[in-house]
């Protein structure tokens, strides 16, 4: 199970983020955090954020709302 990846010159690159990953994230790295849920035969959804790893934690670079909305 993967829930994200690095972002750099390519939009999808290492490190791969998963519970089994042994990669240590360092300040200056940019990652895509992509948790999702998929119901076979019905639908799936993924909420994606781009995140900068900082010396003191992280900064979410994506400014879109996470509020529930209905698209018509």
PDB file of N, CA and C in Angstrom:
ATOM      1  N   UNK A   1       0.838  -1.167   0.000  1.00  0.00           N
ATOM      2  CA  UNK A   1       0.000   0.000   0.000  1.00  0.00           C
ATOM      3  C   UNK A   1       0.892   1.242   0.000  1.00  0.00           C
ATOM      4  N   UNK A   2       0.665   2.115  -0.951  1.00  0.00           N
ATOM      5  CA  UNK A   2       1.419   3.355  -1.080  1.00  0.00           C
ATOM      6  C   UNK A   2       0.480   4.513  -0.799  1.00  0.00           C
ATOM      7  N   UNK A   3       0.949   5.521  -0.067  1.00  0.00           N
ATOM      8  CA  UNK A   3       0.095   6.677   0.181  1.00  0.00           C
ATOM      9  C   UNK A   3       0.729   7.987  -0.256  1.00  0.00           C
ATOM     10  N   UNK A   4       1.821   7.909  -1.002  1.00  0.00           N
ATOM     11  CA  UNK A   4       2.429   9.126  -1.506  1.00  0.00           C
ATOM     12  C   UNK A   4       3.767   8.876  -2.155  1.00  0.00           C
ATOM     13  N   UNK A   5       4.377   9.959  -2.631  1.00  0.00           N
ATOM     14  CA  UNK A   5       5.650   9.859  -3.352  1.00  0.00           C
ATOM     15  C   UNK A   5       6.332  11.215  -3.361  1.00  0.00           C
ATOM     16  N   UNK A   6       7.585  11.202  -3.748  1.00  0.00           N
ATOM     17  CA  UNK A   6       8.337  12.440  -3.879  1.00  0.00           C
ATOM     18  C   UNK A   6       7.900  13.227  -5.104  1.00  0.00           C
ATOM     19  N   UNK A   7       8.145  14.541  -5.067  1.00  0.00           N
ATOM     20  CA  UNK A   7       7.862  15.437  -6.188  1.00  0.00           C
ATOM     21  C   UNK A   7       9.138  16.222  -6.456  1.00  0.00           C
ATOM     22  N   UNK A   8       9.552  16.265  -7.709  1.00  0.00           N
ATOM     23  CA  UNK A   8      10.766  16.995  -8.067  1.00  0.00           C
ATOM     24  C   UNK A   8      10.724  17.372  -9.524  1.00  0.00           C
ATOM     25  N   UNK A   9      11.741  16.973 -10.266  1.00  0.00           N
ATOM     26  CA  UNK A   9      11.746  17.234 -11.705  1.00  0.00           C
ATOM     27  C   UNK A   9      10.637  16.457 -12.399  1.00  0.00           C
ATOM     28  N   UNK A  10      10.308  15.314 -11.852  1.00  0.00           N
ATOM     29  CA  UNK A  10       9.172  14.521 -12.318  1.00  0.00           C
ATOM     30  C   UNK A  10       8.100  14.597 -11.233  1.00  0.00           C
ATOM     31  N   UNK A  11       6.848  14.546 -11.619  1.00  0.00           N
ATOM     32  CA  UNK A  11       5.783  14.627 -10.616  1.00  0.00           C
ATOM     33  C   UNK A  11       5.728  13.358  -9.765  1.00  0.00           C
ATOM     34  N   UNK A  12       6.075  12.213 -10.327  1.00  0.00           N
ATOM     35  CA  UNK A  12       6.107  10.958  -9.564  1.00  0.00           C
ATOM     36  C   UNK A  12       7.550  10.471  -9.508  1.00  0.00           C
ATOM     37  N   UNK A  13       8.154  10.572  -8.343  1.00  0.00           N
ATOM     38  CA  UNK A  13       9.512  10.066  -8.165  1.00  0.00           C
ATOM     39  C   UNK A  13       9.700   9.659  -6.713  1.00  0.00           C
ATOM     40  N   UNK A  14      10.856   9.092  -6.419  1.00  0.00           N
ATOM     41  CA  UNK A  14      11.143   8.664  -5.063  1.00  0.00           C
ATOM     42  C   UNK A  14      11.269   9.845  -4.132  1.00  0.00           C
ATOM     43  N   UNK A  15      11.080   9.615  -2.865  1.00  0.00           N
ATOM     44  CA  UNK A  15      10.827   8.317  -2.245  1.00  0.00           C
ATOM     45  C   UNK A  15       9.358   7.915  -2.361  1.00  0.00           C
ATOM     46  N   UNK A  16       9.121   6.620  -2.358  1.00  0.00           N
ATOM     47  CA  UNK A  16       7.775   6.086  -2.272  1.00  0.00           C
ATOM     48  C   UNK A  16       7.389   6.088  -0.795  1.00  0.00           C
ATOM     49  N   UNK A  17       6.225   6.613  -0.473  1.00  0.00           N
ATOM     50  CA  UNK A  17       5.776   6.685   0.920  1.00  0.00           C
ATOM     51  C   UNK A  17       4.815   5.547   1.199  1.00  0.00           C
ATOM     52  N   UNK A  18       5.175   4.704   2.124  1.00  0.00           N
ATOM     53  CA  UNK A  18       4.331   3.577   2.511  1.00  0.00           C
ATOM     54  C   UNK A  18       4.738   3.145   3.920  1.00  0.00           C
ATOM     55  N   UNK A  19       3.886   2.374   4.580  1.00  0.00           N
ATOM     56  CA  UNK A  19       4.237   1.892   5.926  1.00  0.00           C
ATOM     57  C   UNK A  19       5.511   1.055   5.946  1.00  0.00           C
ATOM     58  N   UNK A  20       5.873   0.458   4.817  1.00  0.00           N
ATOM     59  CA  UNK A  20       7.082  -0.382   4.762  1.00  0.00           C
ATOM     60  C   UNK A  20       8.341   0.384   4.381  1.00  0.00           C
ATOM     61  N   UNK A  21       8.190   1.643   3.996  1.00  0.00           N
ATOM     62  CA  UNK A  21       9.340   2.432   3.555  1.00  0.00           C
ATOM     63  C   UNK A  21      10.289   2.698   4.722  1.00  0.00           C
ATOM     64  N   UNK A  22      11.559   2.610   4.453  1.00  0.00           N
ATOM     65  CA  UNK A  22      12.569   2.928   5.459  1.00  0.00           C
ATOM     66  C   UNK A  22      13.241   4.262   5.176  1.00  0.00           C
ATOM     67  N   UNK A  23      12.758   4.970   4.147  1.00  0.00           N
ATOM     68  CA  UNK A  23      13.323   6.263   3.758  1.00  0.00           C
ATOM     69  C   UNK A  23      13.014   7.310   4.817  1.00  0.00           C
ATOM     70  N   UNK A  24      14.014   8.078   5.213  1.00  0.00           N
ATOM     71  CA  UNK A  24      13.843   9.165   6.176  1.00  0.00           C
ATOM     72  C   UNK A  24      13.674  10.459   5.386  1.00  0.00           C
ATOM     73  N   UNK A  25      12.577  11.160   5.633  1.00  0.00           N
ATOM     74  CA  UNK A  25      12.328  12.422   4.948  1.00  0.00           C
ATOM     75  C   UNK A  25      13.188  13.502   5.573  1.00  0.00           C
ATOM     76  N   UNK A  26      13.747  14.384   4.719  1.00  0.00           N
ATOM     77  CA  UNK A  26      14.647  15.437   5.172  1.00  0.00           C
ATOM     78  C   UNK A  26      14.115  16.800   4.762  1.00  0.00           C
ATOM     79  N   UNK A  27      14.517  17.832   5.508  1.00  0.00           N
ATOM     80  CA  UNK A  27      14.114  19.204   5.203  1.00  0.00           C
ATOM     81  C   UNK A  27      14.460  19.534   3.756  1.00  0.00           C
ATOM     82  N   UNK A  28      13.520  20.178   3.077  1.00  0.00           N
ATOM     83  CA  UNK A  28      13.715  20.564   1.686  1.00  0.00           C
ATOM     84  C   UNK A  28      13.053  19.615   0.700  1.00  0.00           C
ATOM     85  N   UNK A  29      12.721  18.412   1.147  1.00  0.00           N
ATOM     86  CA  UNK A  29      12.042  17.460   0.263  1.00  0.00           C
ATOM     87  C   UNK A  29      10.593  17.884   0.083  1.00  0.00           C
ATOM     88  N   UNK A  30      10.060  17.664  -1.121  1.00  0.00           N
ATOM     89  CA  UNK A  30       8.653  17.922  -1.407  1.00  0.00           C
ATOM     90  C   UNK A  30       8.017  16.577  -1.726  1.00  0.00           C
ATOM     91  N   UNK A  31       6.892  16.300  -1.085  1.00  0.00           N
ATOM     92  CA  UNK A  31       6.207  15.025  -1.281  1.00  0.00           C
ATOM     93  C   UNK A  31       4.738  15.260  -1.613  1.00  0.00           C
ATOM     94  N   UNK A  32       4.147  14.293  -2.248  1.00  0.00           N
ATOM     95  CA  UNK A  32       2.703  14.277  -2.475  1.00  0.00           C
ATOM     96  C   UNK A  32       2.117  13.270  -1.498  1.00  0.00           C
ATOM     97  N   UNK A  33       1.203  13.736  -0.658  1.00  0.00           N
ATOM     98  CA  UNK A  33       0.499  12.878   0.295  1.00  0.00           C
ATOM     99  C   UNK A  33      -0.845  12.552  -0.347  1.00  0.00           C
ATOM    100  N   UNK A  34      -1.111  11.273  -0.637  1.00  0.00           N
ATOM    101  CA  UNK A  34      -2.272  10.884  -1.433  1.00  0.00           C
ATOM    102  C   UNK A  34      -3.096   9.764  -0.800  1.00  0.00           C
ATOM    103  N   UNK A  35      -3.645   9.979   0.384  1.00  0.00           N
ATOM    104  CA  UNK A  35      -4.491   8.915   0.938  1.00  0.00           C
ATOM    105  C   UNK A  35      -5.762   8.769   0.098  1.00  0.00           C
ATOM    106  N   UNK A  36      -6.263   7.563  -0.008  1.00  0.00           N
ATOM    107  CA  UNK A  36      -7.466   7.342  -0.798  1.00  0.00           C
ATOM    108  C   UNK A  36      -8.249   6.145  -0.301  1.00  0.00           C
ATOM    109  N   UNK A  37      -9.472   6.048  -0.784  1.00  0.00           N
ATOM    110  CA  UNK A  37     -10.309   4.890  -0.510  1.00  0.00           C
ATOM    111  C   UNK A  37     -10.959   4.491  -1.834  1.00  0.00           C
ATOM    112  N   UNK A  38     -11.022   3.193  -2.071  1.00  0.00           N
ATOM    113  CA  UNK A  38     -11.555   2.673  -3.328  1.00  0.00           C
ATOM    114  C   UNK A  38     -12.526   1.540  -3.024  1.00  0.00           C
ATOM    115  N   UNK A  39     -13.735   1.666  -3.506  1.00  0.00           N
ATOM    116  CA  UNK A  39     -14.756   0.643  -3.325  1.00  0.00           C
ATOM    117  C   UNK A  39     -14.945  -0.051  -4.664  1.00  0.00           C
ATOM    118  N   UNK A  40     -14.454  -1.291  -4.820  1.00  0.00           N
ATOM    119  CA  UNK A  40     -14.487  -1.992  -6.094  1.00  0.00           C
ATOM    120  C   UNK A  40     -15.891  -2.004  -6.720  1.00  0.00           C
ATOM    121  N   UNK A  41     -15.937  -1.639  -7.997  1.00  0.00           N
ATOM    122  CA  UNK A  41     -17.187  -1.628  -8.733  1.00  0.00           C
ATOM    123  C   UNK A  41     -18.070  -0.429  -8.452  1.00  0.00           C
ATOM    124  N   UNK A  42     -17.634   0.452  -7.544  1.00  0.00           N
ATOM    125  CA  UNK A  42     -18.465   1.611  -7.185  1.00  0.00           C
ATOM    126  C   UNK A  42     -17.751   2.920  -7.483  1.00  0.00           C
ATOM    127  N   UNK A  43     -16.728   3.247  -6.715  1.00  0.00           N
ATOM    128  CA  UNK A  43     -16.001   4.503  -6.918  1.00  0.00           C
ATOM    129  C   UNK A  43     -14.750   4.512  -6.062  1.00  0.00           C
ATOM    130  N   UNK A  44     -13.967   5.545  -6.243  1.00  0.00           N
ATOM    131  CA  UNK A  44     -12.799   5.782  -5.411  1.00  0.00           C
ATOM    132  C   UNK A  44     -12.567   7.267  -5.302  1.00  0.00           C
ATOM    133  N   UNK A  45     -11.856   7.653  -4.290  1.00  0.00           N
ATOM    134  CA  UNK A  45     -11.518   9.066  -4.120  1.00  0.00           C
ATOM    135  C   UNK A  45     -10.149   9.161  -3.454  1.00  0.00           C
ATOM    136  N   UNK A  46      -9.413  10.177  -3.863  1.00  0.00           N
ATOM    137  CA  UNK A  46      -8.105  10.413  -3.270  1.00  0.00           C
ATOM    138  C   UNK A  46      -7.995  11.912  -3.001  1.00  0.00           C
ATOM    139  N   UNK A  47      -7.587  12.273  -1.813  1.00  0.00           N
ATOM    140  CA  UNK A  47      -7.362  13.672  -1.448  1.00  0.00           C
ATOM    141  C   UNK A  47      -5.848  13.874  -1.470  1.00  0.00           C
ATOM    142  N   UNK A  48      -5.377  14.739  -2.336  1.00  0.00           N
ATOM    143  CA  UNK A  48      -3.930  14.893  -2.513  1.00  0.00           C
ATOM    144  C   UNK A  48      -3.465  16.258  -2.023  1.00  0.00           C
ATOM    145  N   UNK A  49      -2.383  16.243  -1.258  1.00  0.00           N
ATOM    146  CA  UNK A  49      -1.721  17.473  -0.821  1.00  0.00           C
ATOM    147  C   UNK A  49      -0.251  17.404  -1.211  1.00  0.00           C
ATOM    148  N   UNK A  50       0.293  18.549  -1.585  1.00  0.00           N
ATOM    149  CA  UNK A  50       1.729  18.671  -1.810  1.00  0.00           C
ATOM    150  C   UNK A  50       2.308  19.288  -0.546  1.00  0.00           C
ATOM    151  N   UNK A  51       3.353  18.658  -0.002  1.00  0.00           N
ATOM    152  CA  UNK A  51       3.865  19.015   1.321  1.00  0.00           C
ATOM    153  C   UNK A  51       5.373  19.238   1.252  1.00  0.00           C
ATOM    154  N   UNK A  52       5.839  20.323   1.850  1.00  0.00           N
ATOM    155  CA  UNK A  52       7.267  20.617   1.981  1.00  0.00           C
ATOM    156  C   UNK A  52       7.715  20.149   3.353  1.00  0.00           C
ATOM    157  N   UNK A  53       8.746  19.334   3.400  1.00  0.00           N
ATOM    158  CA  UNK A  53       9.332  18.904   4.674  1.00  0.00           C
ATOM    159  C   UNK A  53      10.258  20.022   5.150  1.00  0.00           C
ATOM    160  N   UNK A  54      10.077  20.480   6.397  1.00  0.00           N
ATOM    161  CA  UNK A  54      10.875  21.585   6.945  1.00  0.00           C
ATOM    162  C   UNK A  54      11.734  21.083   8.108  1.00  0.00           C
ATOM    163  N   UNK A  55      12.572  21.946   8.616  1.00  0.00           N
ATOM    164  CA  UNK A  55      13.416  21.600   9.764  1.00  0.00           C
ATOM    165  C   UNK A  55      12.573  21.271  10.994  1.00  0.00           C
ATOM    166  N   UNK A  56      11.399  21.908  11.106  1.00  0.00           N
ATOM    167  CA  UNK A  56      10.553  21.743  12.291  1.00  0.00           C
ATOM    168  C   UNK A  56       9.287  20.930  12.040  1.00  0.00           C
ATOM    169  N   UNK A  57       9.183  20.282  10.908  1.00  0.00           N
ATOM    170  CA  UNK A  57       7.979  19.499  10.602  1.00  0.00           C
ATOM    171  C   UNK A  57       7.647  19.546   9.132  1.00  0.00           C
ATOM    172  N   UNK A  58       6.540  20.219   8.794  1.00  0.00           N
ATOM    173  CA  UNK A  58       6.117  20.274   7.398  1.00  0.00           C
ATOM    174  C   UNK A  58       5.239  21.498   7.156  1.00  0.00           C
ATOM    175  N   UNK A  59       5.103  21.852   5.868  1.00  0.00           N
ATOM    176  CA  UNK A  59       4.214  22.929   5.441  1.00  0.00           C
ATOM    177  C   UNK A  59       3.391  22.406   4.280  1.00  0.00           C
ATOM    178  N   UNK A  60       2.076  22.467   4.407  1.00  0.00           N
ATOM    179  CA  UNK A  60       1.195  22.032   3.322  1.00  0.00           C
ATOM    180  C   UNK A  60       1.155  23.153   2.283  1.00  0.00           C
ATOM    181  N   UNK A  61       1.558  22.834   1.046  1.00  0.00           N
ATOM    182  CA  UNK A  61       1.608  23.826  -0.015  1.00  0.00           C
ATOM    183  C   UNK A  61       0.282  23.927  -0.772  1.00  0.00           C
ATOM    184  N   UNK A  62      -0.529  22.897  -0.704  1.00  0.00           N
ATOM    185  CA  UNK A  62      -1.825  22.881  -1.371  1.00  0.00           C
ATOM    186  C   UNK A  62      -2.800  23.706  -0.543  1.00  0.00           C
ATOM    187  N   UNK A  63      -3.443  24.658  -1.170  1.00  0.00           N
ATOM    188  CA  UNK A  63      -4.329  25.574  -0.438  1.00  0.00           C
ATOM    189  C   UNK A  63      -5.809  25.289  -0.695  1.00  0.00           C
ATOM    190  N   UNK A  64      -6.157  24.195  -1.351  1.00  0.00           N
ATOM    191  CA  UNK A  64      -7.562  23.913  -1.645  1.00  0.00           C
ATOM    192  C   UNK A  64      -8.292  23.438  -0.390  1.00  0.00           C
ATOM    193  N   UNK A  65      -9.585  23.675  -0.359  1.00  0.00           N
ATOM    194  CA  UNK A  65     -10.418  23.302   0.780  1.00  0.00           C
ATOM    195  C   UNK A  65     -10.637  21.781   0.831  1.00  0.00           C
ATOM    196  N   UNK A  66     -10.884  21.284   2.002  1.00  0.00           N
ATOM    197  CA  UNK A  66     -11.213  19.871   2.178  1.00  0.00           C
ATOM    198  C   UNK A  66     -12.678  19.735   2.585  1.00  0.00           C
ATOM    199  N   UNK A  67     -13.438  20.845   2.459  1.00  0.00           N
ATOM    200  CA  UNK A  67     -14.844  20.838   2.791  1.00  0.00           C
ATOM    201  C   UNK A  67     -15.617  19.921   1.843  1.00  0.00           C
ATOM    202  N   UNK A  68     -16.637  19.285   2.377  1.00  0.00           N
ATOM    203  CA  UNK A  68     -17.516  18.420   1.597  1.00  0.00           C
ATOM    204  C   UNK A  68     -18.296  19.270   0.592  1.00  0.00           C
ATOM    205  N   UNK A  69     -18.356  18.816  -0.650  1.00  0.00           N
ATOM    206  CA  UNK A  69     -19.149  19.526  -1.659  1.00  0.00           C
ATOM    207  C   UNK A  69     -19.750  18.514  -2.622  1.00  0.00           C
ATOM    208  N   UNK A  70     -20.857  18.873  -3.224  1.00  0.00           N
ATOM    209  CA  UNK A  70     -21.533  18.031  -4.206  1.00  0.00           C
ATOM    210  C   UNK A  70     -21.336  18.665  -5.571  1.00  0.00           C
ATOM    211  N   UNK A  71     -20.804  17.906  -6.516  1.00  0.00           N
ATOM    212  CA  UNK A  71     -20.601  18.389  -7.877  1.00  0.00           C
ATOM    213  C   UNK A  71     -21.793  17.979  -8.720  1.00  0.00           C
ATOM    214  N   UNK A  72     -22.366  18.891  -9.446  1.00  0.00           N
ATOM    215  CA  UNK A  72     -23.528  18.593 -10.302  1.00  0.00           C
ATOM    216  C   UNK A  72     -23.166  18.687 -11.752  1.00  0.00           C
TER     217      UNK A  72
END
